Amino acid sequence: RQDRIVVLIPEMHLPRPWQRLLRNQRGAVLDRAVRRDT
């Protein structure tokens, strides 16, 4: 029904690298799966 499927993945950009490491993994995991399988 569509020409192109676009997936918008919202993520928090936290001020400290250790905060980003602890809290921002879902976006990267979802990104890899969508790119690999669709």
PDB file of all heavy atoms in Angstrom:
ATOM      1  N   ARG A   1       0.819  -1.217   0.000  1.00  0.00           N
ATOM      2  CA  ARG A   1       0.000   0.000   0.000  1.00  0.00           C
ATOM      3  C   ARG A   1       0.848   1.261   0.000  1.00  0.00           C
ATOM      4  O   ARG A   1       0.332   2.350  -0.108  1.00  0.00           O
ATOM      5  CB  ARG A   1      -0.917   0.035   1.224  1.00  0.00           C
ATOM      6  CG  ARG A   1      -1.952  -1.042   1.240  1.00  0.00           C
ATOM      7  CD  ARG A   1      -2.863  -0.884   2.426  1.00  0.00           C
ATOM      8  NE  ARG A   1      -2.052  -0.840   3.643  1.00  0.00           N
ATOM      9  CZ  ARG A   1      -2.489  -0.430   4.820  1.00  0.00           C
ATOM     10  NH1 ARG A   1      -3.705  -0.007   4.964  1.00  0.00           N
ATOM     11  NH2 ARG A   1      -1.699  -0.441   5.858  1.00  0.00           N
ATOM     12  N   GLN A   2       2.148   1.130   0.130  1.00  0.00           N
ATOM     13  CA  GLN A   2       3.021   2.276   0.261  1.00  0.00           C
ATOM     14  C   GLN A   2       4.210   2.144  -0.679  1.00  0.00           C
ATOM     15  O   GLN A   2       4.561   1.055  -1.102  1.00  0.00           O
ATOM     16  CB  GLN A   2       3.512   2.445   1.702  1.00  0.00           C
ATOM     17  CG  GLN A   2       4.353   1.292   2.212  1.00  0.00           C
ATOM     18  CD  GLN A   2       3.548   0.054   2.586  1.00  0.00           C
ATOM     19  OE1 GLN A   2       2.446   0.184   3.057  1.00  0.00           O
ATOM     20  NE2 GLN A   2       4.094  -1.121   2.358  1.00  0.00           N
ATOM     21  N   ASP A   3       4.812   3.285  -1.003  1.00  0.00           N
ATOM     22  CA  ASP A   3       6.005   3.270  -1.842  1.00  0.00           C
ATOM     23  C   ASP A   3       7.240   2.908  -1.034  1.00  0.00           C
ATOM     24  O   ASP A   3       8.125   2.210  -1.505  1.00  0.00           O
ATOM     25  CB  ASP A   3       6.220   4.648  -2.487  1.00  0.00           C
ATOM     26  CG  ASP A   3       5.135   4.964  -3.494  1.00  0.00           C
ATOM     27  OD1 ASP A   3       4.618   4.024  -4.121  1.00  0.00           O
ATOM     28  OD2 ASP A   3       4.807   6.152  -3.642  1.00  0.00           O
ATOM     29  N   ARG A   4       7.340   3.418   0.174  1.00  0.00           N
ATOM     30  CA  ARG A   4       8.525   3.223   1.001  1.00  0.00           C
ATOM     31  C   ARG A   4       8.092   3.205   2.459  1.00  0.00           C
ATOM     32  O   ARG A   4       7.277   4.006   2.885  1.00  0.00           O
ATOM     33  CB  ARG A   4       9.506   4.354   0.760  1.00  0.00           C
ATOM     34  CG  ARG A   4      10.712   4.403   1.630  1.00  0.00           C
ATOM     35  CD  ARG A   4      11.756   3.354   1.384  1.00  0.00           C
ATOM     36  NE  ARG A   4      12.180   3.351  -0.007  1.00  0.00           N
ATOM     37  CZ  ARG A   4      12.830   2.330  -0.556  1.00  0.00           C
ATOM     38  NH1 ARG A   4      13.119   1.274   0.160  1.00  0.00           N
ATOM     39  NH2 ARG A   4      13.193   2.361  -1.804  1.00  0.00           N
ATOM     40  N   ILE A   5       8.686   2.324   3.237  1.00  0.00           N
ATOM     41  CA  ILE A   5       8.452   2.289   4.685  1.00  0.00           C
ATOM     42  C   ILE A   5       9.629   2.998   5.344  1.00  0.00           C
ATOM     43  O   ILE A   5      10.787   2.673   5.086  1.00  0.00           O
ATOM     44  CB  ILE A   5       8.319   0.853   5.200  1.00  0.00           C
ATOM     45  CG1 ILE A   5       7.069   0.202   4.611  1.00  0.00           C
ATOM     46  CG2 ILE A   5       8.285   0.828   6.724  1.00  0.00           C
ATOM     47  CD1 ILE A   5       6.901  -1.254   4.974  1.00  0.00           C
ATOM     48  N   VAL A   6       9.317   3.972   6.173  1.00  0.00           N
ATOM     49  CA  VAL A   6      10.331   4.725   6.909  1.00  0.00           C
ATOM     50  C   VAL A   6      10.087   4.495   8.396  1.00  0.00           C
ATOM     51  O   VAL A   6       8.973   4.672   8.876  1.00  0.00           O
ATOM     52  CB  VAL A   6      10.270   6.232   6.585  1.00  0.00           C
ATOM     53  CG1 VAL A   6      11.300   6.998   7.395  1.00  0.00           C
ATOM     54  CG2 VAL A   6      10.462   6.465   5.091  1.00  0.00           C
ATOM     55  N   VAL A   7      11.126   4.110   9.103  1.00  0.00           N
ATOM     56  CA  VAL A   7      11.031   3.852  10.536  1.00  0.00           C
ATOM     57  C   VAL A   7      11.768   4.966  11.271  1.00  0.00           C
ATOM     58  O   VAL A   7      12.961   5.180  11.046  1.00  0.00           O
ATOM     59  CB  VAL A   7      11.651   2.481  10.894  1.00  0.00           C
ATOM     60  CG1 VAL A   7      11.614   2.251  12.394  1.00  0.00           C
ATOM     61  CG2 VAL A   7      10.934   1.366  10.153  1.00  0.00           C
ATOM     62  N   LEU A   8      11.060   5.675  12.121  1.00  0.00           N
ATOM     63  CA  LEU A   8      11.644   6.728  12.944  1.00  0.00           C
ATOM     64  C   LEU A   8      11.873   6.156  14.337  1.00  0.00           C
ATOM     65  O   LEU A   8      10.937   5.718  14.999  1.00  0.00           O
ATOM     66  CB  LEU A   8      10.702   7.935  13.016  1.00  0.00           C
ATOM     67  CG  LEU A   8      11.128   9.077  13.907  1.00  0.00           C
ATOM     68  CD1 LEU A   8      12.425   9.693  13.401  1.00  0.00           C
ATOM     69  CD2 LEU A   8      10.034  10.119  13.972  1.00  0.00           C
ATOM     70  N   ILE A   9      13.127   6.150  14.765  1.00  0.00           N
ATOM     71  CA  ILE A   9      13.486   5.602  16.078  1.00  0.00           C
ATOM     72  C   ILE A   9      13.896   6.780  16.973  1.00  0.00           C
ATOM     73  O   ILE A   9      14.979   7.329  16.817  1.00  0.00           O
ATOM     74  CB  ILE A   9      14.643   4.593  15.971  1.00  0.00           C
ATOM     75  CG1 ILE A   9      14.257   3.454  15.030  1.00  0.00           C
ATOM     76  CG2 ILE A   9      15.014   4.062  17.356  1.00  0.00           C
ATOM     77  CD1 ILE A   9      15.399   2.489  14.739  1.00  0.00           C
ATOM     78  N   PRO A  10      13.030   7.180  17.906  1.00  0.00           N
ATOM     79  CA  PRO A  10      13.412   8.263  18.818  1.00  0.00           C
ATOM     80  C   PRO A  10      14.360   7.737  19.893  1.00  0.00           C
ATOM     81  O   PRO A  10      14.199   6.623  20.397  1.00  0.00           O
ATOM     82  CB  PRO A  10      12.079   8.710  19.421  1.00  0.00           C
ATOM     83  CG  PRO A  10      11.204   7.514  19.325  1.00  0.00           C
ATOM     84  CD  PRO A  10      11.664   6.726  18.129  1.00  0.00           C
ATOM     85  N   GLU A  11      15.371   8.532  20.202  1.00  0.00           N
ATOM     86  CA  GLU A  11      16.352   8.139  21.219  1.00  0.00           C
ATOM     87  C   GLU A  11      16.702   9.336  22.085  1.00  0.00           C
ATOM     88  O   GLU A  11      16.658  10.471  21.635  1.00  0.00           O
ATOM     89  CB  GLU A  11      17.641   7.639  20.559  1.00  0.00           C
ATOM     90  CG  GLU A  11      17.473   6.388  19.743  1.00  0.00           C
ATOM     91  CD  GLU A  11      18.755   5.983  19.070  1.00  0.00           C
ATOM     92  OE1 GLU A  11      19.336   6.799  18.330  1.00  0.00           O
ATOM     93  OE2 GLU A  11      19.168   4.849  19.290  1.00  0.00           O
ATOM     94  N   MET A  12      17.079   9.041  23.320  1.00  0.00           N
ATOM     95  CA  MET A  12      17.572  10.090  24.207  1.00  0.00           C
ATOM     96  C   MET A  12      19.053  10.302  23.940  1.00  0.00           C
ATOM     97  O   MET A  12      19.804   9.331  23.843  1.00  0.00           O
ATOM     98  CB  MET A  12      17.393   9.684  25.669  1.00  0.00           C
ATOM     99  CG  MET A  12      15.975   9.525  26.106  1.00  0.00           C
ATOM    100  SD  MET A  12      15.852   9.166  27.877  1.00  0.00           S
ATOM    101  CE  MET A  12      16.698   7.604  28.016  1.00  0.00           C
ATOM    102  N   HIS A  13      19.463  11.528  23.803  1.00  0.00           N
ATOM    103  CA  HIS A  13      20.897  11.853  23.716  1.00  0.00           C
ATOM    104  C   HIS A  13      21.276  12.455  25.065  1.00  0.00           C
ATOM    105  O   HIS A  13      21.001  13.621  25.346  1.00  0.00           O
ATOM    106  CB  HIS A  13      21.184  12.831  22.581  1.00  0.00           C
ATOM    107  CG  HIS A  13      22.639  13.139  22.446  1.00  0.00           C
ATOM    108  ND1 HIS A  13      23.509  12.276  21.830  1.00  0.00           N
ATOM    109  CD2 HIS A  13      23.368  14.186  22.874  1.00  0.00           C
ATOM    110  CE1 HIS A  13      24.714  12.798  21.875  1.00  0.00           C
ATOM    111  NE2 HIS A  13      24.662  13.946  22.510  1.00  0.00           N
ATOM    112  N   LEU A  14      21.864  11.630  25.894  1.00  0.00           N
ATOM    113  CA  LEU A  14      22.203  12.039  27.252  1.00  0.00           C
ATOM    114  C   LEU A  14      23.572  12.710  27.292  1.00  0.00           C
ATOM    115  O   LEU A  14      24.415  12.477  26.420  1.00  0.00           O
ATOM    116  CB  LEU A  14      22.173  10.819  28.169  1.00  0.00           C
ATOM    117  CG  LEU A  14      20.766  10.195  28.265  1.00  0.00           C
ATOM    118  CD1 LEU A  14      20.845   8.786  28.768  1.00  0.00           C
ATOM    119  CD2 LEU A  14      19.875  11.043  29.134  1.00  0.00           C
ATOM    120  N   PRO A  15      23.820  13.545  28.304  1.00  0.00           N
ATOM    121  CA  PRO A  15      25.043  14.354  28.316  1.00  0.00           C
ATOM    122  C   PRO A  15      26.337  13.571  28.545  1.00  0.00           C
ATOM    123  O   PRO A  15      27.378  13.960  28.046  1.00  0.00           O
ATOM    124  CB  PRO A  15      24.815  15.344  29.456  1.00  0.00           C
ATOM    125  CG  PRO A  15      23.737  14.770  30.293  1.00  0.00           C
ATOM    126  CD  PRO A  15      22.924  13.901  29.392  1.00  0.00           C
ATOM    127  N   ARG A  16      26.301  12.474  29.253  1.00  0.00           N
ATOM    128  CA  ARG A  16      27.534  11.760  29.582  1.00  0.00           C
ATOM    129  C   ARG A  16      27.626  10.443  28.810  1.00  0.00           C
ATOM    130  O   ARG A  16      26.624   9.739  28.648  1.00  0.00           O
ATOM    131  CB  ARG A  16      27.586  11.461  31.073  1.00  0.00           C
ATOM    132  CG  ARG A  16      27.403  12.713  31.923  1.00  0.00           C
ATOM    133  CD  ARG A  16      28.336  12.715  33.084  1.00  0.00           C
ATOM    134  NE  ARG A  16      28.110  13.749  34.062  1.00  0.00           N
ATOM    135  CZ  ARG A  16      28.244  15.039  33.875  1.00  0.00           C
ATOM    136  NH1 ARG A  16      28.560  15.493  32.702  1.00  0.00           N
ATOM    137  NH2 ARG A  16      28.046  15.910  34.840  1.00  0.00           N
ATOM    138  N   PRO A  17      28.826  10.073  28.336  1.00  0.00           N
ATOM    139  CA  PRO A  17      28.974   8.827  27.580  1.00  0.00           C
ATOM    140  C   PRO A  17      28.492   7.587  28.333  1.00  0.00           C
ATOM    141  O   PRO A  17      27.881   6.706  27.748  1.00  0.00           O
ATOM    142  CB  PRO A  17      30.477   8.746  27.304  1.00  0.00           C
ATOM    143  CG  PRO A  17      30.946  10.159  27.343  1.00  0.00           C
ATOM    144  CD  PRO A  17      30.082  10.843  28.370  1.00  0.00           C
ATOM    145  N   TRP A  18      28.740   7.509  29.639  1.00  0.00           N
ATOM    146  CA  TRP A  18      28.319   6.330  30.389  1.00  0.00           C
ATOM    147  C   TRP A  18      26.798   6.250  30.460  1.00  0.00           C
ATOM    148  O   TRP A  18      26.226   5.164  30.475  1.00  0.00           O
ATOM    149  CB  TRP A  18      28.951   6.293  31.784  1.00  0.00           C
ATOM    150  CG  TRP A  18      28.527   7.397  32.705  1.00  0.00           C
ATOM    151  CD1 TRP A  18      29.141   8.595  32.885  1.00  0.00           C
ATOM    152  CD2 TRP A  18      27.393   7.392  33.575  1.00  0.00           C
ATOM    153  NE1 TRP A  18      28.464   9.350  33.800  1.00  0.00           N
ATOM    154  CE2 TRP A  18      27.375   8.634  34.248  1.00  0.00           C
ATOM    155  CE3 TRP A  18      26.387   6.481  33.849  1.00  0.00           C
ATOM    156  CZ2 TRP A  18      26.392   8.972  35.169  1.00  0.00           C
ATOM    157  CZ3 TRP A  18      25.422   6.809  34.779  1.00  0.00           C
ATOM    158  CH2 TRP A  18      25.433   8.044  35.424  1.00  0.00           C
ATOM    159  N   GLN A  19      26.114   7.405  30.472  1.00  0.00           N
ATOM    160  CA  GLN A  19      24.652   7.398  30.470  1.00  0.00           C
ATOM    161  C   GLN A  19      24.131   6.891  29.125  1.00  0.00           C
ATOM    162  O   GLN A  19      23.171   6.127  29.073  1.00  0.00           O
ATOM    163  CB  GLN A  19      24.117   8.806  30.743  1.00  0.00           C
ATOM    164  CG  GLN A  19      24.407   9.300  32.134  1.00  0.00           C
ATOM    165  CD  GLN A  19      24.119  10.774  32.290  1.00  0.00           C
ATOM    166  OE1 GLN A  19      24.303  11.567  31.362  1.00  0.00           O
ATOM    167  NE2 GLN A  19      23.659  11.171  33.472  1.00  0.00           N
ATOM    168  N   ARG A  20      24.763   7.324  28.049  1.00  0.00           N
ATOM    169  CA  ARG A  20      24.356   6.870  26.716  1.00  0.00           C
ATOM    170  C   ARG A  20      24.567   5.368  26.571  1.00  0.00           C
ATOM    171  O   ARG A  20      23.743   4.674  25.977  1.00  0.00           O
ATOM    172  CB  ARG A  20      25.117   7.638  25.637  1.00  0.00           C
ATOM    173  CG  ARG A  20      24.700   9.106  25.570  1.00  0.00           C
ATOM    174  CD  ARG A  20      25.242   9.801  24.344  1.00  0.00           C
ATOM    175  NE  ARG A  20      26.688   9.964  24.343  1.00  0.00           N
ATOM    176  CZ  ARG A  20      27.340  10.997  24.861  1.00  0.00           C
ATOM    177  NH1 ARG A  20      26.667  11.980  25.439  1.00  0.00           N
ATOM    178  NH2 ARG A  20      28.651  11.076  24.787  1.00  0.00           N
ATOM    179  N   LEU A  21      25.665   4.867  27.119  1.00  0.00           N
ATOM    180  CA  LEU A  21      25.954   3.441  27.043  1.00  0.00           C
ATOM    181  C   LEU A  21      24.899   2.621  27.783  1.00  0.00           C
ATOM    182  O   LEU A  21      24.451   1.578  27.312  1.00  0.00           O
ATOM    183  CB  LEU A  21      27.340   3.163  27.625  1.00  0.00           C
ATOM    184  CG  LEU A  21      27.787   1.714  27.602  1.00  0.00           C
ATOM    185  CD1 LEU A  21      27.925   1.229  26.173  1.00  0.00           C
ATOM    186  CD2 LEU A  21      29.092   1.562  28.353  1.00  0.00           C
ATOM    187  N   LEU A  22      24.469   3.100  28.935  1.00  0.00           N
ATOM    188  CA  LEU A  22      23.506   2.353  29.741  1.00  0.00           C
ATOM    189  C   LEU A  22      22.078   2.444  29.224  1.00  0.00           C
ATOM    190  O   LEU A  22      21.299   1.522  29.399  1.00  0.00           O
ATOM    191  CB  LEU A  22      23.542   2.846  31.194  1.00  0.00           C
ATOM    192  CG  LEU A  22      24.807   2.525  31.970  1.00  0.00           C
ATOM    193  CD1 LEU A  22      24.750   3.167  33.343  1.00  0.00           C
ATOM    194  CD2 LEU A  22      24.990   1.024  32.081  1.00  0.00           C
ATOM    195  N   ARG A  23      21.708   3.540  28.588  1.00  0.00           N
ATOM    196  CA  ARG A  23      20.298   3.775  28.285  1.00  0.00           C
ATOM    197  C   ARG A  23      19.910   3.745  26.814  1.00  0.00           C
ATOM    198  O   ARG A  23      18.740   3.758  26.511  1.00  0.00           O
ATOM    199  CB  ARG A  23      19.878   5.129  28.858  1.00  0.00           C
ATOM    200  CG  ARG A  23      20.024   5.171  30.342  1.00  0.00           C
ATOM    201  CD  ARG A  23      19.405   6.396  30.875  1.00  0.00           C
ATOM    202  NE  ARG A  23      19.616   6.456  32.314  1.00  0.00           N
ATOM    203  CZ  ARG A  23      18.913   7.193  33.115  1.00  0.00           C
ATOM    204  NH1 ARG A  23      17.963   7.947  32.645  1.00  0.00           N
ATOM    205  NH2 ARG A  23      19.164   7.198  34.402  1.00  0.00           N
ATOM    206  N   ASN A  24      20.831   3.744  25.898  1.00  0.00           N
ATOM    207  CA  ASN A  24      20.469   3.943  24.500  1.00  0.00           C
ATOM    208  C   ASN A  24      20.711   2.733  23.617  1.00  0.00           C
ATOM    209  O   ASN A  24      21.007   2.880  22.449  1.00  0.00           O
ATOM    210  CB  ASN A  24      21.249   5.129  23.927  1.00  0.00           C
ATOM    211  CG  ASN A  24      20.371   6.326  23.730  1.00  0.00           C
ATOM    212  OD1 ASN A  24      19.190   6.291  24.039  1.00  0.00           O
ATOM    213  ND2 ASN A  24      20.932   7.386  23.211  1.00  0.00           N
ATOM    214  N   GLN A  25      20.580   1.538  24.111  1.00  0.00           N
ATOM    215  CA  GLN A  25      20.898   0.372  23.310  1.00  0.00           C
ATOM    216  C   GLN A  25      19.753  -0.116  22.429  1.00  0.00           C
ATOM    217  O   GLN A  25      19.980  -0.737  21.397  1.00  0.00           O
ATOM    218  CB  GLN A  25      21.385  -0.753  24.218  1.00  0.00           C
ATOM    219  CG  GLN A  25      22.612  -0.387  25.026  1.00  0.00           C
ATOM    220  CD  GLN A  25      23.745   0.133  24.157  1.00  0.00           C
ATOM    221  OE1 GLN A  25      24.131  -0.519  23.206  1.00  0.00           O
ATOM    222  NE2 GLN A  25      24.254   1.313  24.459  1.00  0.00           N
ATOM    223  N   ARG A  26      18.526   0.158  22.796  1.00  0.00           N
ATOM    224  CA  ARG A  26      17.389  -0.358  22.024  1.00  0.00           C
ATOM    225  C   ARG A  26      17.349   0.201  20.609  1.00  0.00           C
ATOM    226  O   ARG A  26      17.012  -0.502  19.670  1.00  0.00           O
ATOM    227  CB  ARG A  26      16.076  -0.049  22.738  1.00  0.00           C
ATOM    228  CG  ARG A  26      15.880  -0.886  23.954  1.00  0.00           C
ATOM    229  CD  ARG A  26      14.555  -0.606  24.575  1.00  0.00           C
ATOM    230  NE  ARG A  26      14.373  -1.452  25.735  1.00  0.00           N
ATOM    231  CZ  ARG A  26      13.368  -1.340  26.549  1.00  0.00           C
ATOM    232  NH1 ARG A  26      12.459  -0.419  26.344  1.00  0.00           N
ATOM    233  NH2 ARG A  26      13.258  -2.140  27.581  1.00  0.00           N
ATOM    234  N   GLY A  27      17.667   1.468  20.453  1.00  0.00           N
ATOM    235  CA  GLY A  27      17.648   2.068  19.119  1.00  0.00           C
ATOM    236  C   GLY A  27      18.638   1.393  18.188  1.00  0.00           C
ATOM    237  O   GLY A  27      18.328   1.097  17.035  1.00  0.00           O
ATOM    238  N   ALA A  28      19.838   1.125  18.680  1.00  0.00           N
ATOM    239  CA  ALA A  28      20.860   0.485  17.863  1.00  0.00           C
ATOM    240  C   ALA A  28      20.466  -0.951  17.509  1.00  0.00           C
ATOM    241  O   ALA A  28      20.649  -1.395  16.372  1.00  0.00           O
ATOM    242  CB  ALA A  28      22.205   0.492  18.593  1.00  0.00           C
ATOM    243  N   VAL A  29      19.907  -1.675  18.458  1.00  0.00           N
ATOM    244  CA  VAL A  29      19.483  -3.058  18.216  1.00  0.00           C
ATOM    245  C   VAL A  29      18.356  -3.083  17.186  1.00  0.00           C
ATOM    246  O   VAL A  29      18.367  -3.886  16.241  1.00  0.00           O
ATOM    247  CB  VAL A  29      19.046  -3.725  19.542  1.00  0.00           C
ATOM    248  CG1 VAL A  29      18.368  -5.059  19.296  1.00  0.00           C
ATOM    249  CG2 VAL A  29      20.242  -3.896  20.463  1.00  0.00           C
ATOM    250  N   LEU A  30      17.381  -2.206  17.348  1.00  0.00           N
ATOM    251  CA  LEU A  30      16.267  -2.140  16.412  1.00  0.00           C
ATOM    252  C   LEU A  30      16.739  -1.713  15.022  1.00  0.00           C
ATOM    253  O   LEU A  30      16.321  -2.272  14.012  1.00  0.00           O
ATOM    254  CB  LEU A  30      15.199  -1.179  16.941  1.00  0.00           C
ATOM    255  CG  LEU A  30      13.883  -1.158  16.202  1.00  0.00           C
ATOM    256  CD1 LEU A  30      13.266  -2.540  16.133  1.00  0.00           C
ATOM    257  CD2 LEU A  30      12.934  -0.185  16.872  1.00  0.00           C
ATOM    258  N   ASP A  31      17.643  -0.743  14.967  1.00  0.00           N
ATOM    259  CA  ASP A  31      18.215  -0.286  13.702  1.00  0.00           C
ATOM    260  C   ASP A  31      18.846  -1.449  12.940  1.00  0.00           C
ATOM    261  O   ASP A  31      18.576  -1.666  11.755  1.00  0.00           O
ATOM    262  CB  ASP A  31      19.247   0.806  13.994  1.00  0.00           C
ATOM    263  CG  ASP A  31      19.899   1.389  12.762  1.00  0.00           C
ATOM    264  OD1 ASP A  31      20.300   0.627  11.859  1.00  0.00           O
ATOM    265  OD2 ASP A  31      20.047   2.613  12.701  1.00  0.00           O
ATOM    266  N   ARG A  32      19.694  -2.220  13.619  1.00  0.00           N
ATOM    267  CA  ARG A  32      20.371  -3.349  12.962  1.00  0.00           C
ATOM    268  C   ARG A  32      19.384  -4.400  12.459  1.00  0.00           C
ATOM    269  O   ARG A  32      19.515  -4.914  11.346  1.00  0.00           O
ATOM    270  CB  ARG A  32      21.382  -3.988  13.902  1.00  0.00           C
ATOM    271  CG  ARG A  32      22.686  -3.228  13.968  1.00  0.00           C
ATOM    272  CD  ARG A  32      23.762  -4.011  14.699  1.00  0.00           C
ATOM    273  NE  ARG A  32      23.427  -4.278  16.078  1.00  0.00           N
ATOM    274  CZ  ARG A  32      23.667  -3.446  17.097  1.00  0.00           C
ATOM    275  NH1 ARG A  32      24.253  -2.291  16.865  1.00  0.00           N
ATOM    276  NH2 ARG A  32      23.340  -3.771  18.321  1.00  0.00           N
ATOM    277  N   ALA A  33      18.381  -4.718  13.261  1.00  0.00           N
ATOM    278  CA  ALA A  33      17.405  -5.741  12.863  1.00  0.00           C
ATOM    279  C   ALA A  33      16.581  -5.288  11.661  1.00  0.00           C
ATOM    280  O   ALA A  33      16.347  -6.069  10.737  1.00  0.00           O
ATOM    281  CB  ALA A  33      16.490  -6.067  14.040  1.00  0.00           C
ATOM    282  N   VAL A  34      16.152  -4.033  11.664  1.00  0.00           N
ATOM    283  CA  VAL A  34      15.340  -3.531  10.551  1.00  0.00           C
ATOM    284  C   VAL A  34      16.172  -3.474   9.276  1.00  0.00           C
ATOM    285  O   VAL A  34      15.719  -3.876   8.202  1.00  0.00           O
ATOM    286  CB  VAL A  34      14.732  -2.152  10.894  1.00  0.00           C
ATOM    287  CG1 VAL A  34      14.088  -1.522   9.680  1.00  0.00           C
ATOM    288  CG2 VAL A  34      13.711  -2.295  12.022  1.00  0.00           C
ATOM    289  N   ARG A  35      17.410  -2.994   9.367  1.00  0.00           N
ATOM    290  CA  ARG A  35      18.283  -2.942   8.183  1.00  0.00           C
ATOM    291  C   ARG A  35      18.591  -4.340   7.640  1.00  0.00           C
ATOM    292  O   ARG A  35      18.654  -4.545   6.439  1.00  0.00           O
ATOM    293  CB  ARG A  35      19.594  -2.238   8.521  1.00  0.00           C
ATOM    294  CG  ARG A  35      19.472  -0.755   8.667  1.00  0.00           C
ATOM    295  CD  ARG A  35      20.827  -0.128   8.987  1.00  0.00           C
ATOM    296  NE  ARG A  35      20.670   1.201   9.505  1.00  0.00           N
ATOM    297  CZ  ARG A  35      20.553   2.289   8.746  1.00  0.00           C
ATOM    298  NH1 ARG A  35      20.564   2.182   7.438  1.00  0.00           N
ATOM    299  NH2 ARG A  35      20.410   3.480   9.299  1.00  0.00           N
ATOM    300  N   ARG A  36      18.788  -5.291   8.540  1.00  0.00           N
ATOM    301  CA  ARG A  36      19.145  -6.648   8.138  1.00  0.00           C
ATOM    302  C   ARG A  36      17.970  -7.384   7.503  1.00  0.00           C
ATOM    303  O   ARG A  36      18.142  -8.127   6.539  1.00  0.00           O
ATOM    304  CB  ARG A  36      19.649  -7.420   9.359  1.00  0.00           C
ATOM    305  CG  ARG A  36      20.090  -8.850   9.070  1.00  0.00           C
ATOM    306  CD  ARG A  36      20.456  -9.605  10.333  1.00  0.00           C
ATOM    307  NE  ARG A  36      19.294  -9.704  11.201  1.00  0.00           N
ATOM    308  CZ  ARG A  36      19.285  -9.370  12.492  1.00  0.00           C
ATOM    309  NH1 ARG A  36      20.367  -8.917  13.088  1.00  0.00           N
ATOM    310  NH2 ARG A  36      18.188  -9.485  13.217  1.00  0.00           N
ATOM    311  N   ASP A  37      16.753  -7.185   8.032  1.00  0.00           N
ATOM    312  CA  ASP A  37      15.622  -8.037   7.655  1.00  0.00           C
ATOM    313  C   ASP A  37      14.543  -7.369   6.816  1.00  0.00           C
ATOM    314  O   ASP A  37      13.557  -8.023   6.476  1.00  0.00           O
ATOM    315  CB  ASP A  37      14.980  -8.615   8.922  1.00  0.00           C
ATOM    316  CG  ASP A  37      15.928  -9.518   9.694  1.00  0.00           C
ATOM    317  OD1 ASP A  37      16.807 -10.128   9.055  1.00  0.00           O
ATOM    318  OD2 ASP A  37      15.792  -9.610  10.925  1.00  0.00           O
ATOM    319  N   THR A  38      14.670  -6.079   6.516  1.00  0.00           N
ATOM    320  CA  THR A  38      13.654  -5.390   5.705  1.00  0.00           C
ATOM    321  C   THR A  38      14.332  -4.411   4.755  1.00  0.00           C
ATOM    322  O   THR A  38      15.533  -4.188   4.835  1.00  0.00           O
ATOM    323  CB  THR A  38      12.649  -4.602   6.584  1.00  0.00           C
ATOM    324  OG1 THR A  38      13.291  -3.445   7.106  1.00  0.00           O
ATOM    325  CG2 THR A  38      12.088  -5.443   7.720  1.00  0.00           C
TER     326      THR A  38
END
